[in-house]
Protein backbone atom coordinates (compact mmCIF):
# COMPACT_ATOMS: atom_id res chain seq x y z
CA UNK A 1 61.24 85.68 23.71
CA UNK A 2 57.46 85.43 23.24
CA UNK A 3 55.28 87.87 25.14
CA UNK A 4 51.92 86.41 26.06
CA UNK A 5 48.80 88.40 25.31
CA UNK A 6 45.20 87.66 26.13
CA UNK A 7 42.31 88.92 28.20
CA UNK A 8 44.72 89.98 30.94
CA UNK A 9 47.99 91.84 30.63
CA UNK A 10 50.74 89.40 29.66
CA UNK A 11 54.11 90.05 31.23
CA UNK A 12 57.56 88.60 31.59
CA UNK A 13 60.87 89.66 33.12
CA UNK A 14 64.37 89.12 31.81
CA UNK A 15 67.84 90.08 32.98
CA UNK A 16 70.13 91.88 30.53
CA UNK A 17 73.61 93.32 30.93
CA UNK A 18 74.72 96.43 29.06
CA UNK A 19 75.26 95.58 25.39
CA UNK A 20 73.00 92.51 25.38
CA UNK A 21 70.03 92.16 23.02
CA UNK A 22 66.82 90.19 23.07
CA UNK A 23 64.28 89.52 20.33
CA UNK A 24 60.70 90.20 21.42
CA UNK A 25 57.81 88.57 19.54
CA UNK A 26 54.08 88.47 19.97
CA UNK A 27 52.71 84.96 19.33
CA UNK A 28 50.30 84.22 16.52
CA UNK A 29 46.58 83.85 17.04
CA UNK A 30 46.45 80.06 16.76
CA UNK A 31 42.79 79.99 15.66
CA UNK A 32 43.34 82.08 12.52
CA UNK A 33 47.10 81.61 12.09
CA UNK A 34 47.52 85.37 11.76
CA UNK A 35 49.65 87.54 14.03
CA UNK A 36 48.31 90.18 16.37
CA UNK A 37 47.69 93.52 14.76
CA UNK A 38 50.13 95.98 16.25
CA UNK A 39 48.62 99.30 17.20
CA UNK A 40 49.87 101.89 14.73
CA UNK A 41 51.14 99.31 12.22
CA UNK A 42 54.84 99.56 11.37
CA UNK A 43 55.19 102.97 13.04
CA UNK A 44 52.64 104.82 15.08
CA UNK A 45 52.04 106.73 18.28
CA UNK A 46 50.12 106.24 21.50
CA UNK A 47 49.25 108.49 24.40
CA UNK A 48 50.67 106.74 27.46
CA UNK A 49 50.88 108.19 30.98
CA UNK A 50 49.93 111.60 29.62
CA UNK A 51 52.65 111.70 26.99
CA UNK A 52 52.61 111.03 23.24
CA UNK A 53 54.97 108.09 22.59
CA UNK A 54 56.33 106.49 19.42
CA UNK A 55 55.45 102.89 18.60
CA UNK A 56 57.46 100.52 16.44
CA UNK A 57 55.44 97.51 15.31
CA UNK A 58 53.27 98.09 18.38
CA UNK A 59 56.21 98.17 20.81
CA UNK A 60 57.25 101.10 23.01
CA UNK A 61 60.31 101.48 25.27
CA UNK A 62 59.61 103.23 28.56
CA UNK A 63 63.10 104.79 28.83
CA UNK A 64 64.88 105.08 25.49
CA UNK A 65 68.01 106.42 27.20
CA UNK A 66 68.52 103.00 28.83
CA UNK A 67 67.51 100.83 25.88
CA UNK A 68 66.28 100.96 22.31
CA UNK A 69 64.19 98.87 19.96
CA UNK A 70 64.62 98.34 16.25
CA UNK A 71 62.67 96.25 13.74
CA UNK A 72 63.60 92.59 13.51
CA UNK A 73 64.96 92.33 9.94
CA UNK A 74 64.06 88.62 9.76
CA UNK A 75 60.34 89.12 10.47
CA UNK A 76 57.63 91.44 9.20
CA UNK A 77 55.22 90.83 12.07
CA UNK A 78 55.14 92.20 15.61
CA UNK A 79 58.79 91.48 16.31
CA UNK A 80 61.56 93.81 17.46
CA UNK A 81 65.07 93.58 18.87
CA UNK A 82 65.78 95.38 22.15
CA UNK A 83 69.31 96.56 23.02
CA UNK A 84 70.27 97.42 26.63
CA UNK A 85 72.43 100.58 26.20
CA UNK A 86 72.95 101.63 29.82
CA UNK A 87 72.71 100.06 33.26
CA UNK A 88 69.23 100.19 34.76
CA UNK A 89 65.72 98.79 34.70
CA UNK A 90 63.41 99.34 31.75
CA UNK A 91 60.07 98.21 30.39
CA UNK A 92 58.97 97.41 26.86
CA UNK A 93 55.25 97.50 26.13
CA UNK A 94 53.33 95.96 23.23
CA UNK A 95 49.99 97.52 22.33
CA UNK A 96 47.57 95.58 20.12
CA UNK A 97 44.84 97.19 18.01
CA UNK A 98 42.35 95.30 20.20
CA UNK A 99 43.44 97.35 23.23
CA UNK A 100 45.34 94.51 24.86
CA UNK A 101 48.84 95.07 26.19
CA UNK A 102 51.90 92.94 27.04
CA UNK A 103 54.87 94.04 29.14
CA UNK A 104 58.50 92.90 29.28
CA UNK A 105 60.39 94.05 32.39
CA UNK A 106 64.13 94.40 31.90
CA UNK A 107 66.02 93.87 35.13
CA UNK A 108 69.72 94.01 35.78
CA UNK A 109 72.05 92.45 38.31
CA UNK A 110 74.75 94.98 39.20
CA UNK A 111 78.38 93.99 38.88
CA UNK A 112 79.47 92.57 42.22
CA UNK A 113 82.39 90.59 43.64
CA UNK A 114 80.92 88.95 46.77
CA UNK A 115 83.35 90.87 48.97
CA UNK A 116 80.67 91.68 51.54
CA UNK A 117 77.39 90.34 52.88
CA UNK A 118 75.58 93.05 50.90
CA UNK A 119 77.14 91.68 47.70
CA UNK A 120 76.23 88.06 48.32
CA UNK A 121 78.74 87.09 50.97
CA UNK A 122 82.44 86.42 50.82
CA UNK A 123 83.50 83.70 48.43
CA UNK A 124 85.62 82.17 51.22
CA UNK A 125 82.46 81.52 53.28
CA UNK A 126 82.92 83.33 56.58
CA UNK A 127 79.36 84.73 56.52
CA UNK A 128 78.50 86.47 59.82
CA UNK A 129 80.90 84.21 61.72
CA UNK A 130 83.46 85.75 63.96
CA UNK A 131 86.54 83.81 62.89
CA UNK A 132 88.72 84.98 65.83
CA UNK A 133 86.23 83.82 68.49
CA UNK A 134 85.65 80.53 66.73
CA UNK A 135 89.41 79.91 66.50
CA UNK A 136 89.86 80.58 70.27
CA UNK A 137 87.03 78.16 71.13
CA UNK A 138 88.56 75.42 68.99
CA UNK A 139 91.93 75.67 70.80
């Protein structure tokens, strides 16, 4: 998945289940053909929200208990693979040397079986209808 970067913060959202991975890449600068320079190079640090955080190829995971990043072995540029380890939302940030930033929001749909309105409605389609009253009216 390519994360856009430019004068404004680029962002995207994806849905991952526990155990799923996604490759995150920063697109090349099409004018020069070179990739974006990741802040900190291969490994670095950044002060973010008052805390010193580790960077990997410019990427940082907001909650490394929920997910982790590792270098993409097939690319040397600003490219990592994110693994969703636990259920929950997470964010992955990319910081460029230029000060620009891109964000990838990881969302998750909880396991559900449609057994109630709160879980998407019954699969047998009785939604909010009182079946007993409807049956009496039809007779």
